[in-house]
Amino acid sequence: MRNTTFIIPAVVVLVAILLSSVFIVDEREKALVLQFGQIKSVKEEPGLAFKIPLIQEVVRYDDRIQALDTDPTEVTPSDDRRLVVDAFARYRISDVVQFRQAVGANGMRGAEDRLEGILNPVIRAVLGSNGVTSNTILSADRAGLMARITEQARQRALPLGLEVIDVRLKQTNLPEQNLDATFARMRAEREREAADEIARGEEAAQRVRAQADRTVVELTSDATRQADIIRGEADAERNGIFAEAFGADPEFFEFYRSLTAYERALKGENSTMVMSPDSEFFNYLRSDQGARSAEGE
């Protein structure tokens, strides 16, 4: 009974020591075995691994690709048009031993602070280099600039045991204090362009109106000339017909002309004429003239 009292605690202690000496490395991580803060072994392959209980400890680091959003940084391209750039980077731990030696116990948070301290100067240096303007940053050449930033950041991050995979510019904006002035300048440029377009439109409208007025005058003059020609030809033809009729039967022609004169003079229901009864105008209205004409027949 007394032996059992000592054996059971001893077994429990041995099992606890055995379990504390075994750890599992996940395929998504890397592990370091530390002894009094010194690196004793590196575990990068997934599976079971061992350490000395109570003396050694295991520190794990994520081996997957990480994302870092940098704080917006202000850059000044070669055209002196300041911009606020918001970027993000993708990175991973390439050398876990070098990473531990560089950042110590600060881990990923300390590494991201160090990496952001690398990215912001590189972004300012590349975007502020000679030949890089704000239009270049906002154009298709942006991809080439991001490749340059990525390469320079990769070289500077190697001492940290980090591999910078990619750096991208998410947003490129004007500083807040410059927005009002920029918008005012853009508005003035648009208003000037609008005024130019209106002026050109008015000029074109004046040309169209002048051409239309000229065309109207030409068409009216031509129509009047043709009408005068037709009217003259008609008058000549009419006079010819009258002359021919007069030559064929002068008395009938005179009678017809008198009736036409009566019709024109006595228009309306209340026409009034004051003339002498002996006037030749009434020759064909007097009854004796009509009787003489009948006796002559």
Protein backbone atom coordinates (compact mmCIF):
# COMPACT_ATOMS: atom_id res chain seq x y z
CA MET A 1 0.00 0.00 0.00
CA ARG A 2 2.86 2.28 0.90
CA ASN A 3 4.62 1.50 -2.39
CA THR A 4 1.49 2.34 -4.37
CA THR A 5 1.34 5.73 -2.68
CA PHE A 6 4.78 6.63 -4.08
CA ILE A 7 4.44 4.94 -7.49
CA ILE A 8 1.28 6.67 -8.64
CA PRO A 9 2.62 10.25 -8.17
CA ALA A 10 5.89 9.23 -9.76
CA VAL A 11 4.04 7.86 -12.79
CA VAL A 12 1.97 11.00 -13.03
CA VAL A 13 5.11 13.16 -12.89
CA LEU A 14 6.81 11.03 -15.54
CA VAL A 15 3.78 11.26 -17.85
CA ALA A 16 3.61 15.01 -17.37
CA ILE A 17 7.31 15.34 -18.12
CA LEU A 18 6.92 13.13 -21.20
CA LEU A 19 3.95 15.11 -22.48
CA SER A 20 5.71 18.44 -21.90
CA SER A 21 8.65 17.23 -23.93
CA VAL A 22 6.51 16.54 -27.00
CA PHE A 23 4.98 19.22 -29.25
CA ILE A 24 3.35 19.26 -32.68
CA VAL A 25 4.44 21.52 -35.52
CA ASP A 26 1.57 22.51 -37.82
CA GLU A 27 2.14 22.69 -41.58
CA ARG A 28 1.14 26.38 -41.48
CA GLU A 29 3.87 27.39 -39.03
CA LYS A 30 7.52 27.25 -38.12
CA ALA A 31 8.81 26.66 -34.60
CA LEU A 32 11.93 27.52 -32.66
CA VAL A 33 13.14 25.65 -29.61
CA LEU A 34 14.69 28.11 -27.17
CA GLN A 35 16.80 27.39 -24.14
CA PHE A 36 17.29 30.35 -21.84
CA GLY A 37 16.51 32.65 -24.80
CA GLN A 38 19.03 30.96 -27.09
CA ILE A 39 17.92 29.12 -30.26
CA LYS A 40 18.65 25.42 -29.93
CA SER A 41 16.77 23.98 -32.90
CA VAL A 42 14.49 24.95 -35.78
CA LYS A 43 11.39 22.93 -36.61
CA GLU A 44 10.05 23.74 -40.09
CA GLU A 45 8.65 20.34 -41.06
CA PRO A 46 5.16 19.44 -39.78
CA GLY A 47 4.84 16.62 -37.28
CA LEU A 48 6.00 15.61 -33.79
CA ALA A 49 9.06 17.21 -32.22
CA PHE A 50 10.76 17.03 -28.83
CA LYS A 51 12.26 19.45 -26.34
CA ILE A 52 13.70 19.31 -22.85
CA PRO A 53 10.91 19.93 -20.35
CA LEU A 54 11.12 22.94 -18.08
CA ILE A 55 14.37 24.05 -19.64
CA GLN A 56 13.40 24.60 -23.26
CA GLU A 57 10.39 26.41 -24.70
CA VAL A 58 8.77 26.51 -28.14
CA VAL A 59 8.03 29.72 -30.04
CA ARG A 60 5.77 29.41 -33.08
CA TYR A 61 5.57 31.73 -36.10
CA ASP A 62 2.99 31.76 -38.88
CA ASP A 63 4.54 30.55 -42.14
CA ARG A 64 1.69 31.79 -44.34
CA ILE A 65 1.69 34.95 -46.46
CA GLN A 66 0.78 37.96 -44.34
CA ALA A 67 -0.77 41.31 -45.32
CA LEU A 68 0.28 44.70 -43.99
CA ASP A 69 -1.68 47.92 -44.54
CA THR A 70 0.64 50.88 -44.16
CA ASP A 71 -0.41 54.26 -42.84
CA PRO A 72 -1.03 56.86 -45.57
CA THR A 73 2.20 58.63 -46.45
CA GLU A 74 2.66 61.94 -48.26
CA VAL A 75 4.92 62.00 -51.31
CA THR A 76 6.10 64.84 -53.55
CA PRO A 77 6.65 63.82 -57.19
CA SER A 78 8.98 65.77 -59.47
CA ASP A 79 6.14 68.10 -60.55
CA ASP A 80 5.77 69.26 -56.90
CA ARG A 81 2.16 68.15 -56.77
CA ARG A 82 1.88 66.52 -53.36
CA LEU A 83 -0.04 63.26 -53.05
CA VAL A 84 -1.15 61.05 -50.17
CA VAL A 85 -0.44 57.38 -50.96
CA ASP A 86 -2.06 54.45 -49.19
CA ALA A 87 -0.24 51.14 -49.79
CA PHE A 88 -0.30 47.54 -48.62
CA ALA A 89 2.30 44.77 -48.74
CA ARG A 90 2.26 41.00 -48.72
CA TYR A 91 5.15 39.23 -47.03
CA ARG A 92 6.18 36.01 -45.29
CA ILE A 93 8.91 34.80 -42.93
CA SER A 94 11.69 33.39 -45.08
CA ASP A 95 14.35 32.79 -42.39
CA VAL A 96 12.85 32.15 -38.98
CA VAL A 97 16.23 32.23 -37.18
CA GLN A 98 17.17 35.58 -38.67
CA PHE A 99 13.65 36.82 -37.98
CA ARG A 100 13.95 35.90 -34.29
CA GLN A 101 17.34 37.54 -34.00
CA ALA A 102 16.06 40.73 -35.69
CA VAL A 103 12.78 41.27 -33.84
CA GLY A 104 13.43 39.34 -30.65
CA ALA A 105 10.40 38.66 -28.50
CA ASN A 106 8.28 41.33 -30.23
CA GLY A 107 7.10 38.79 -32.79
CA MET A 108 4.91 39.73 -35.76
CA ARG A 109 3.86 43.08 -34.34
CA GLY A 110 7.45 44.20 -34.03
CA ALA A 111 8.21 42.84 -37.50
CA GLU A 112 5.33 44.81 -39.04
CA ASP A 113 6.51 48.01 -37.35
CA ARG A 114 10.00 47.44 -38.77
CA LEU A 115 8.62 46.56 -42.20
CA GLU A 116 6.42 49.67 -42.31
CA GLY A 117 9.50 51.70 -41.41
CA ILE A 118 11.10 50.24 -44.54
CA LEU A 119 8.12 50.62 -46.89
CA ASN A 120 7.28 54.28 -46.27
CA PRO A 121 10.78 55.64 -47.09
CA VAL A 122 11.00 53.38 -50.14
CA ILE A 123 7.60 54.62 -51.40
CA ARG A 124 8.62 58.25 -50.92
CA ALA A 125 11.99 57.66 -52.60
CA VAL A 126 10.58 55.88 -55.68
CA LEU A 127 7.57 58.17 -56.19
CA GLY A 128 9.70 61.27 -55.60
CA SER A 129 12.52 60.28 -57.96
CA ASN A 130 13.39 62.25 -61.10
CA GLY A 131 10.99 61.79 -63.99
CA VAL A 132 8.13 60.56 -61.80
CA THR A 133 5.21 62.99 -61.89
CA SER A 134 1.73 62.81 -60.44
CA ASN A 135 0.43 61.88 -63.89
CA THR A 136 2.92 59.00 -64.00
CA ILE A 137 1.67 57.71 -60.66
CA LEU A 138 -1.94 57.86 -61.88
CA SER A 139 -1.23 56.29 -65.29
CA ALA A 140 -0.45 52.80 -66.55
CA ASP A 141 3.19 53.35 -65.50
CA ARG A 142 1.98 52.84 -61.92
CA ALA A 143 2.67 49.07 -62.27
CA GLY A 144 6.34 49.72 -63.02
CA LEU A 145 6.62 51.99 -59.99
CA MET A 146 5.08 49.33 -57.73
CA ALA A 147 7.58 46.77 -59.08
CA ARG A 148 10.46 49.12 -58.19
CA ILE A 149 9.04 49.65 -54.70
CA THR A 150 8.65 45.89 -54.23
CA GLU A 151 12.23 45.15 -55.29
CA GLN A 152 13.78 47.81 -53.06
CA ALA A 153 11.61 46.81 -50.09
CA ARG A 154 12.55 43.15 -50.64
CA GLN A 155 16.26 43.94 -50.46
CA ARG A 156 15.88 46.02 -47.30
CA ALA A 157 13.67 43.43 -45.56
CA LEU A 158 16.10 40.52 -46.02
CA PRO A 159 18.05 41.31 -42.81
CA LEU A 160 14.74 40.92 -40.94
CA GLY A 161 14.30 37.39 -42.26
CA LEU A 162 11.27 38.58 -44.25
CA GLU A 163 10.46 38.12 -47.92
CA VAL A 164 8.42 40.98 -49.40
CA ILE A 165 6.28 39.35 -52.08
CA ASP A 166 4.37 42.33 -53.39
CA VAL A 167 3.65 46.01 -52.68
CA ARG A 168 0.55 47.69 -54.08
CA LEU A 169 -0.71 51.27 -54.06
CA LYS A 170 -4.36 51.16 -52.99
CA GLN A 171 -5.22 54.84 -53.19
CA THR A 172 -3.55 58.01 -54.36
CA ASN A 173 -5.25 61.21 -53.22
CA LEU A 174 -4.47 64.86 -52.84
CA PRO A 175 -3.78 66.23 -49.34
CA GLU A 176 -6.88 67.56 -47.66
CA GLN A 177 -5.60 71.14 -47.63
CA ASN A 178 -5.04 71.05 -51.40
CA LEU A 179 -8.42 69.66 -52.39
CA ASP A 180 -10.29 72.97 -52.37
CA ALA A 181 -7.63 74.73 -54.44
CA THR A 182 -7.45 71.80 -56.86
CA PHE A 183 -11.21 71.64 -57.24
CA ALA A 184 -11.35 75.41 -57.81
CA ARG A 185 -8.65 75.15 -60.48
CA MET A 186 -10.44 72.24 -62.13
CA ARG A 187 -13.72 74.18 -62.04
CA ALA A 188 -12.04 77.23 -63.61
CA GLU A 189 -10.52 75.08 -66.35
CA ARG A 190 -13.87 73.46 -67.10
CA GLU A 191 -15.61 76.85 -67.16
CA ARG A 192 -12.95 78.18 -69.55
CA GLU A 193 -13.38 75.15 -71.80
CA ALA A 194 -17.16 75.63 -71.67
CA ALA A 195 -16.79 79.31 -72.60
CA ASP A 196 -14.54 78.36 -75.52
CA GLU A 197 -17.06 75.78 -76.70
CA ILE A 198 -19.90 78.31 -76.42
CA ALA A 199 -17.89 80.89 -78.37
CA ARG A 200 -17.08 78.37 -81.09
CA GLY A 201 -20.73 77.36 -81.18
CA GLU A 202 -21.87 80.95 -81.52
CA GLU A 203 -19.36 81.53 -84.30
CA ALA A 204 -20.55 78.44 -86.13
CA ALA A 205 -24.18 79.52 -85.60
CA GLN A 206 -23.42 82.97 -87.04
CA ARG A 207 -21.85 81.36 -90.11
CA VAL A 208 -24.85 79.08 -90.56
CA ARG A 209 -27.30 81.96 -90.14
CA ALA A 210 -25.36 84.17 -92.59
CA GLN A 211 -25.26 81.36 -95.11
CA ALA A 212 -28.99 80.73 -94.61
CA ASP A 213 -29.80 84.44 -95.05
CA ARG A 214 -27.69 84.57 -98.20
CA THR A 215 -29.41 81.46 -99.52
CA VAL A 216 -32.83 82.99 -98.78
CA VAL A 217 -31.91 86.20 -100.63
CA GLU A 218 -30.57 84.25 -103.59
CA LEU A 219 -33.60 81.97 -103.74
CA THR A 220 -36.01 84.92 -103.36
CA SER A 221 -34.22 86.91 -106.05
CA ASP A 222 -34.19 83.96 -108.39
CA ALA A 223 -37.86 83.22 -107.71
CA THR A 224 -38.80 86.89 -108.28
CA ARG A 225 -36.83 86.96 -111.52
CA GLN A 226 -38.48 83.78 -112.74
CA ALA A 227 -41.91 85.11 -111.67
CA ASP A 228 -41.31 88.36 -113.56
CA ILE A 229 -40.27 86.40 -116.63
CA ILE A 230 -43.34 84.18 -116.43
CA ARG A 231 -45.59 87.18 -115.76
CA GLY A 232 -44.14 89.05 -118.74
CA GLU A 233 -44.57 86.03 -120.98
CA ALA A 234 -48.14 85.64 -119.73
CA ASP A 235 -48.89 89.34 -120.36
CA ALA A 236 -47.43 89.06 -123.84
CA GLU A 237 -49.50 86.00 -124.55
CA ARG A 238 -52.61 87.69 -123.16
CA ASN A 239 -52.03 90.78 -125.25
CA GLY A 240 -51.52 88.58 -128.25
CA ILE A 241 -54.82 86.84 -127.61
CA PHE A 242 -56.56 90.20 -127.16
CA ALA A 243 -55.04 91.52 -130.37
CA GLU A 244 -56.07 88.42 -132.26
CA ALA A 245 -59.62 88.64 -130.85
CA PHE A 246 -59.85 92.33 -131.72
CA GLY A 247 -58.73 91.67 -135.24
CA ALA A 248 -61.24 88.85 -135.71
CA ASP A 249 -64.34 90.69 -134.38
CA PRO A 250 -63.77 94.25 -133.18
CA GLU A 251 -67.38 94.80 -132.11
CA PHE A 252 -67.49 91.64 -130.00
CA PHE A 253 -64.14 92.48 -128.49
CA GLU A 254 -65.41 95.91 -127.53
CA PHE A 255 -68.53 94.35 -126.04
CA TYR A 256 -66.44 91.87 -124.02
CA ARG A 257 -64.16 94.59 -122.73
CA SER A 258 -67.18 96.65 -121.66
CA LEU A 259 -68.66 93.71 -119.73
CA THR A 260 -65.33 93.16 -118.01
CA ALA A 261 -65.28 96.84 -117.06
CA TYR A 262 -68.84 96.59 -115.68
CA GLU A 263 -67.89 93.55 -113.61
CA ARG A 264 -64.88 95.25 -112.08
CA ALA A 265 -66.67 98.54 -111.45
CA LEU A 266 -69.87 97.15 -109.98
CA LYS A 267 -68.47 94.70 -107.43
CA GLY A 268 -70.36 94.23 -104.16
CA GLU A 269 -73.98 94.59 -103.22
CA ASN A 270 -73.94 98.35 -102.53
CA SER A 271 -71.78 99.64 -105.36
CA THR A 272 -72.60 103.23 -106.31
CA MET A 273 -71.34 105.19 -109.33
CA VAL A 274 -72.17 108.78 -110.24
CA MET A 275 -71.71 109.36 -113.97
CA SER A 276 -73.47 111.13 -116.81
CA PRO A 277 -76.09 108.99 -118.55
CA ASP A 278 -74.60 110.00 -121.89
CA SER A 279 -71.24 108.52 -120.97
CA GLU A 280 -69.87 105.91 -123.31
CA PHE A 281 -69.44 103.67 -120.30
CA PHE A 282 -73.20 102.94 -120.39
CA ASN A 283 -73.46 102.23 -124.12
CA TYR A 284 -74.27 98.57 -123.59
CA LEU A 285 -76.55 99.26 -120.60
CA ARG A 286 -78.97 101.61 -122.36
CA SER A 287 -82.09 99.99 -123.76
CA ASP A 288 -81.98 101.94 -127.03
CA GLN A 289 -78.42 100.77 -127.61
CA GLY A 290 -79.56 97.22 -127.06
CA ALA A 291 -82.52 97.82 -129.45
CA ARG A 292 -80.24 99.27 -132.12
CA SER A 293 -78.01 96.32 -131.75
CA ALA A 294 -81.02 94.05 -132.19
CA GLU A 295 -82.26 95.90 -135.31
CA GLY A 296 -78.80 95.76 -136.81
CA GLU A 297 -78.89 92.00 -136.44
